[in-house]
Amino acid sequence: MPSATIRAFCFASGHIEFGKRVPSGALPIAYGPEQVLRDFIEPLARHGYSTALVKGRPTKIPGTETLLAPGLPEAPDQGAALTAFQAWLKWIGKKPPKGIEVLGGR
């Protein structure tokens, strides 16, 4: 049975999510079969997570990992964020796997 088609999208914060539809206000990234899309996006995204001090050292809190579109969270304004997002789309859109369509990445 073929994998269901889903979409990858992100918000102005850079937070990437996956779903059947792109919510209002989100920026579309790509679409394709679910597992192929996740396997494509996850290594190309920045990984963020929450930390807590454990014995005086910052330690990753399990289960808090999130995917981020590079350049968006640290952008000084929306114009810079959009430029960073477009550059990332162009980069990931160079050789997507079969069945994945990167939106605006060419």
N, C-alpha and C. Protein backbone atom coordinates (compact mmCIF):
# COMPACT_ATOMS: atom_id res chain seq x y z
N MET A 1 0.84 -1.18 0.00
CA MET A 1 0.00 0.00 0.00
C MET A 1 0.89 1.25 0.00
N PRO A 2 0.68 2.20 -0.94
CA PRO A 2 1.51 3.39 -0.99
C PRO A 2 1.30 4.27 0.24
N SER A 3 2.35 4.99 0.59
CA SER A 3 2.30 5.90 1.72
C SER A 3 1.43 7.10 1.37
N ALA A 4 0.71 7.62 2.37
CA ALA A 4 -0.15 8.78 2.16
C ALA A 4 0.70 10.01 1.87
N THR A 5 0.17 10.89 1.03
CA THR A 5 0.85 12.15 0.72
C THR A 5 0.60 13.13 1.86
N ILE A 6 1.69 13.74 2.35
CA ILE A 6 1.57 14.77 3.36
C ILE A 6 2.39 15.98 2.93
N ARG A 7 2.27 17.03 3.69
CA ARG A 7 2.98 18.26 3.40
C ARG A 7 3.89 18.62 4.56
N ALA A 8 5.03 19.20 4.24
CA ALA A 8 5.91 19.79 5.24
C ALA A 8 5.73 21.29 5.13
N PHE A 9 5.66 21.96 6.26
CA PHE A 9 5.48 23.41 6.27
C PHE A 9 6.13 23.97 7.52
N CYS A 10 6.33 25.28 7.52
CA CYS A 10 6.88 25.90 8.72
C CYS A 10 6.17 27.22 8.98
N PHE A 11 6.36 27.67 10.19
CA PHE A 11 5.77 28.93 10.62
C PHE A 11 6.86 30.01 10.64
N ALA A 12 6.50 31.25 10.87
CA ALA A 12 7.47 32.35 10.89
C ALA A 12 8.57 32.10 11.92
N SER A 13 8.27 31.33 12.96
CA SER A 13 9.26 31.00 13.98
C SER A 13 10.33 30.06 13.45
N GLY A 14 10.04 29.42 12.30
CA GLY A 14 10.94 28.43 11.73
C GLY A 14 10.56 27.01 12.08
N HIS A 15 9.62 26.83 12.99
CA HIS A 15 9.19 25.51 13.44
C HIS A 15 8.55 24.74 12.28
N ILE A 16 9.10 23.55 11.97
CA ILE A 16 8.60 22.71 10.87
C ILE A 16 7.64 21.67 11.40
N GLU A 17 6.55 21.49 10.69
CA GLU A 17 5.57 20.46 11.02
C GLU A 17 5.18 19.73 9.74
N PHE A 18 4.48 18.62 9.91
CA PHE A 18 3.98 17.81 8.80
C PHE A 18 2.48 17.63 8.99
N GLY A 19 1.74 17.60 7.88
CA GLY A 19 0.30 17.38 7.99
C GLY A 19 -0.34 17.21 6.62
N LYS A 20 -1.62 16.92 6.64
CA LYS A 20 -2.36 16.73 5.39
C LYS A 20 -2.59 18.04 4.66
N ARG A 21 -2.67 19.14 5.44
CA ARG A 21 -2.89 20.46 4.85
C ARG A 21 -1.91 21.46 5.45
N VAL A 22 -1.63 22.51 4.71
CA VAL A 22 -0.80 23.60 5.21
C VAL A 22 -1.73 24.60 5.88
N PRO A 23 -1.56 24.84 7.18
CA PRO A 23 -2.46 25.77 7.87
C PRO A 23 -2.28 27.21 7.40
N SER A 24 -3.29 28.00 7.60
CA SER A 24 -3.24 29.42 7.26
C SER A 24 -2.07 30.06 8.01
N GLY A 25 -1.29 30.84 7.29
CA GLY A 25 -0.15 31.52 7.90
C GLY A 25 1.15 30.74 7.87
N ALA A 26 1.10 29.47 7.49
CA ALA A 26 2.31 28.65 7.42
C ALA A 26 2.91 28.74 6.02
N LEU A 27 4.21 28.49 5.94
CA LEU A 27 4.91 28.51 4.66
C LEU A 27 5.10 27.08 4.17
N PRO A 28 4.61 26.74 2.97
CA PRO A 28 4.78 25.38 2.47
C PRO A 28 6.24 25.10 2.11
N ILE A 29 6.69 23.88 2.40
CA ILE A 29 8.05 23.49 2.08
C ILE A 29 8.06 22.46 0.95
N ALA A 30 7.36 21.36 1.15
CA ALA A 30 7.37 20.26 0.17
C ALA A 30 6.20 19.33 0.45
N TYR A 31 5.95 18.42 -0.51
CA TYR A 31 4.95 17.39 -0.28
C TYR A 31 5.38 16.10 -0.95
N GLY A 32 4.81 15.01 -0.48
CA GLY A 32 5.13 13.70 -1.03
C GLY A 32 4.74 12.60 -0.07
N PRO A 33 5.12 11.37 -0.37
CA PRO A 33 4.80 10.24 0.52
C PRO A 33 5.38 10.50 1.92
N GLU A 34 4.59 10.22 2.94
CA GLU A 34 4.95 10.61 4.31
C GLU A 34 6.36 10.20 4.73
N GLN A 35 6.69 8.94 4.67
CA GLN A 35 7.99 8.52 5.19
C GLN A 35 9.14 9.06 4.36
N VAL A 36 8.96 9.12 3.05
CA VAL A 36 10.00 9.67 2.17
C VAL A 36 10.21 11.15 2.49
N LEU A 37 9.12 11.89 2.69
CA LEU A 37 9.21 13.32 2.99
C LEU A 37 9.89 13.55 4.33
N ARG A 38 9.50 12.81 5.34
CA ARG A 38 10.13 12.96 6.66
C ARG A 38 11.62 12.62 6.59
N ASP A 39 11.95 11.53 5.90
CA ASP A 39 13.35 11.12 5.77
C ASP A 39 14.17 12.14 4.99
N PHE A 40 13.53 12.90 4.11
CA PHE A 40 14.20 13.93 3.32
C PHE A 40 14.39 15.21 4.15
N ILE A 41 13.35 15.66 4.83
CA ILE A 41 13.38 16.94 5.55
C ILE A 41 14.19 16.86 6.85
N GLU A 42 14.02 15.81 7.63
CA GLU A 42 14.64 15.75 8.95
C GLU A 42 16.15 15.98 8.95
N PRO A 43 16.94 15.36 8.07
CA PRO A 43 18.38 15.63 8.13
C PRO A 43 18.79 16.99 7.56
N LEU A 44 17.90 17.64 6.81
CA LEU A 44 18.22 18.93 6.20
C LEU A 44 17.77 20.11 7.06
N ALA A 45 16.97 19.83 8.07
CA ALA A 45 16.48 20.87 8.98
C ALA A 45 17.45 21.02 10.15
N ARG A 46 17.34 22.14 10.81
CA ARG A 46 18.08 22.34 12.05
C ARG A 46 17.29 21.68 13.16
N HIS A 47 17.98 21.08 14.10
CA HIS A 47 17.31 20.40 15.21
C HIS A 47 17.46 21.25 16.47
N GLY A 48 16.33 21.54 17.09
CA GLY A 48 16.33 22.29 18.33
C GLY A 48 15.71 21.45 19.43
N TYR A 49 16.00 21.80 20.65
CA TYR A 49 15.44 21.07 21.80
C TYR A 49 15.58 21.93 23.04
N SER A 50 14.81 21.59 24.05
CA SER A 50 14.90 22.28 25.33
C SER A 50 15.94 21.60 26.19
N THR A 51 16.55 22.38 27.09
CA THR A 51 17.55 21.82 27.99
C THR A 51 17.21 22.14 29.44
N ALA A 52 17.80 21.40 30.33
CA ALA A 52 17.70 21.65 31.77
C ALA A 52 19.08 21.43 32.36
N LEU A 53 19.37 22.11 33.44
CA LEU A 53 20.66 21.92 34.09
C LEU A 53 20.64 20.62 34.88
N VAL A 54 21.59 19.76 34.59
CA VAL A 54 21.77 18.51 35.31
C VAL A 54 23.21 18.50 35.81
N LYS A 55 23.36 18.54 37.11
CA LYS A 55 24.69 18.61 37.73
C LYS A 55 25.49 19.79 37.17
N GLY A 56 24.77 20.90 36.96
CA GLY A 56 25.41 22.13 36.50
C GLY A 56 25.67 22.22 35.01
N ARG A 57 25.26 21.20 34.25
CA ARG A 57 25.50 21.22 32.80
C ARG A 57 24.17 21.20 32.05
N PRO A 58 24.07 21.98 30.97
CA PRO A 58 22.85 21.92 30.16
C PRO A 58 22.72 20.53 29.53
N THR A 59 21.57 19.94 29.69
CA THR A 59 21.32 18.59 29.18
C THR A 59 20.00 18.58 28.41
N LYS A 60 20.01 17.94 27.26
CA LYS A 60 18.81 17.85 26.43
C LYS A 60 17.69 17.14 27.19
N ILE A 61 16.50 17.71 27.11
CA ILE A 61 15.32 17.09 27.72
C ILE A 61 14.71 16.15 26.68
N PRO A 62 14.66 14.85 26.97
CA PRO A 62 14.09 13.90 26.01
C PRO A 62 12.66 14.29 25.62
N GLY A 63 12.36 14.12 24.33
CA GLY A 63 11.01 14.39 23.83
C GLY A 63 10.74 15.84 23.47
N THR A 64 11.75 16.70 23.57
CA THR A 64 11.52 18.12 23.26
C THR A 64 12.11 18.53 21.91
N GLU A 65 12.61 17.58 21.13
CA GLU A 65 13.24 17.92 19.86
C GLU A 65 12.21 18.49 18.89
N THR A 66 12.64 19.51 18.17
CA THR A 66 11.81 20.12 17.15
C THR A 66 12.68 20.39 15.92
N LEU A 67 12.05 20.42 14.77
CA LEU A 67 12.75 20.73 13.53
C LEU A 67 12.54 22.20 13.20
N LEU A 68 13.61 22.84 12.73
CA LEU A 68 13.55 24.26 12.40
C LEU A 68 14.11 24.50 10.99
N ALA A 69 13.48 25.41 10.27
CA ALA A 69 14.02 25.82 8.97
C ALA A 69 15.21 26.73 9.25
N PRO A 70 16.40 26.39 8.76
CA PRO A 70 17.60 27.18 9.05
C PRO A 70 17.45 28.64 8.65
N GLY A 71 17.90 29.52 9.54
CA GLY A 71 17.89 30.95 9.27
C GLY A 71 16.67 31.69 9.75
N LEU A 72 15.55 31.01 9.93
CA LEU A 72 14.34 31.70 10.34
C LEU A 72 14.34 32.12 11.81
N PRO A 73 14.65 31.23 12.74
CA PRO A 73 14.56 31.64 14.16
C PRO A 73 15.46 32.82 14.52
N GLU A 74 16.63 32.92 13.90
CA GLU A 74 17.57 33.97 14.27
C GLU A 74 17.50 35.20 13.35
N ALA A 75 16.60 35.20 12.39
CA ALA A 75 16.50 36.33 11.47
C ALA A 75 16.07 37.60 12.22
N PRO A 76 16.70 38.74 11.89
CA PRO A 76 16.37 39.97 12.60
C PRO A 76 15.01 40.56 12.23
N ASP A 77 14.48 40.18 11.07
CA ASP A 77 13.17 40.67 10.65
C ASP A 77 12.56 39.68 9.64
N GLN A 78 11.31 39.93 9.26
CA GLN A 78 10.61 39.01 8.35
C GLN A 78 11.23 38.97 6.97
N GLY A 79 11.78 40.08 6.51
CA GLY A 79 12.43 40.10 5.20
C GLY A 79 13.64 39.18 5.17
N ALA A 80 14.46 39.26 6.21
CA ALA A 80 15.64 38.39 6.30
C ALA A 80 15.22 36.93 6.45
N ALA A 81 14.14 36.70 7.19
CA ALA A 81 13.64 35.34 7.38
C ALA A 81 13.19 34.76 6.04
N LEU A 82 12.47 35.55 5.26
CA LEU A 82 12.00 35.08 3.95
C LEU A 82 13.17 34.79 3.01
N THR A 83 14.18 35.64 3.04
CA THR A 83 15.38 35.42 2.20
C THR A 83 16.06 34.12 2.60
N ALA A 84 16.21 33.88 3.91
CA ALA A 84 16.83 32.64 4.40
C ALA A 84 15.99 31.43 4.01
N PHE A 85 14.68 31.55 4.13
CA PHE A 85 13.78 30.44 3.79
C PHE A 85 13.88 30.11 2.31
N GLN A 86 13.88 31.13 1.46
CA GLN A 86 13.98 30.91 0.02
C GLN A 86 15.32 30.27 -0.36
N ALA A 87 16.39 30.68 0.29
CA ALA A 87 17.71 30.08 0.02
C ALA A 87 17.72 28.62 0.45
N TRP A 88 17.10 28.30 1.59
CA TRP A 88 17.04 26.92 2.06
C TRP A 88 16.21 26.06 1.10
N LEU A 89 15.07 26.59 0.64
CA LEU A 89 14.25 25.86 -0.33
C LEU A 89 15.02 25.59 -1.61
N LYS A 90 15.76 26.58 -2.08
CA LYS A 90 16.54 26.39 -3.30
C LYS A 90 17.59 25.30 -3.09
N TRP A 91 18.24 25.30 -1.94
CA TRP A 91 19.26 24.30 -1.63
C TRP A 91 18.67 22.90 -1.55
N ILE A 92 17.57 22.73 -0.81
CA ILE A 92 17.00 21.38 -0.66
C ILE A 92 16.30 20.94 -1.94
N GLY A 93 15.92 21.90 -2.80
CA GLY A 93 15.21 21.57 -4.02
C GLY A 93 16.10 21.11 -5.16
N LYS A 94 17.42 21.10 -4.95
CA LYS A 94 18.33 20.71 -6.03
C LYS A 94 18.21 19.24 -6.40
N LYS A 95 18.07 18.36 -5.43
CA LYS A 95 17.98 16.93 -5.72
C LYS A 95 17.05 16.22 -4.74
N PRO A 96 15.77 16.55 -4.80
CA PRO A 96 14.85 15.84 -3.90
C PRO A 96 14.69 14.38 -4.34
N PRO A 97 14.36 13.50 -3.40
CA PRO A 97 14.15 12.11 -3.79
C PRO A 97 12.90 11.96 -4.66
N LYS A 98 12.82 10.85 -5.34
CA LYS A 98 11.68 10.56 -6.21
C LYS A 98 10.39 10.63 -5.40
N GLY A 99 9.41 11.37 -5.95
CA GLY A 99 8.11 11.51 -5.30
C GLY A 99 7.98 12.73 -4.42
N ILE A 100 9.08 13.46 -4.21
CA ILE A 100 9.03 14.66 -3.37
C ILE A 100 9.07 15.91 -4.24
N GLU A 101 8.15 16.81 -4.01
CA GLU A 101 8.11 18.07 -4.72
C GLU A 101 8.40 19.17 -3.72
N VAL A 102 9.52 19.88 -3.94
CA VAL A 102 9.88 21.02 -3.10
C VAL A 102 9.24 22.24 -3.72
N LEU A 103 8.51 22.99 -2.93
CA LEU A 103 7.77 24.14 -3.43
C LEU A 103 8.67 25.37 -3.45
N GLY A 104 8.85 25.96 -4.59
CA GLY A 104 9.67 27.13 -4.72
C GLY A 104 11.16 26.85 -4.65
N GLY A 105 11.54 25.59 -4.75
CA GLY A 105 12.94 25.24 -4.57
C GLY A 105 13.75 25.14 -5.84
N ARG A 106 13.24 25.63 -6.93
CA ARG A 106 14.01 25.50 -8.19
C ARG A 106 14.25 26.82 -8.85
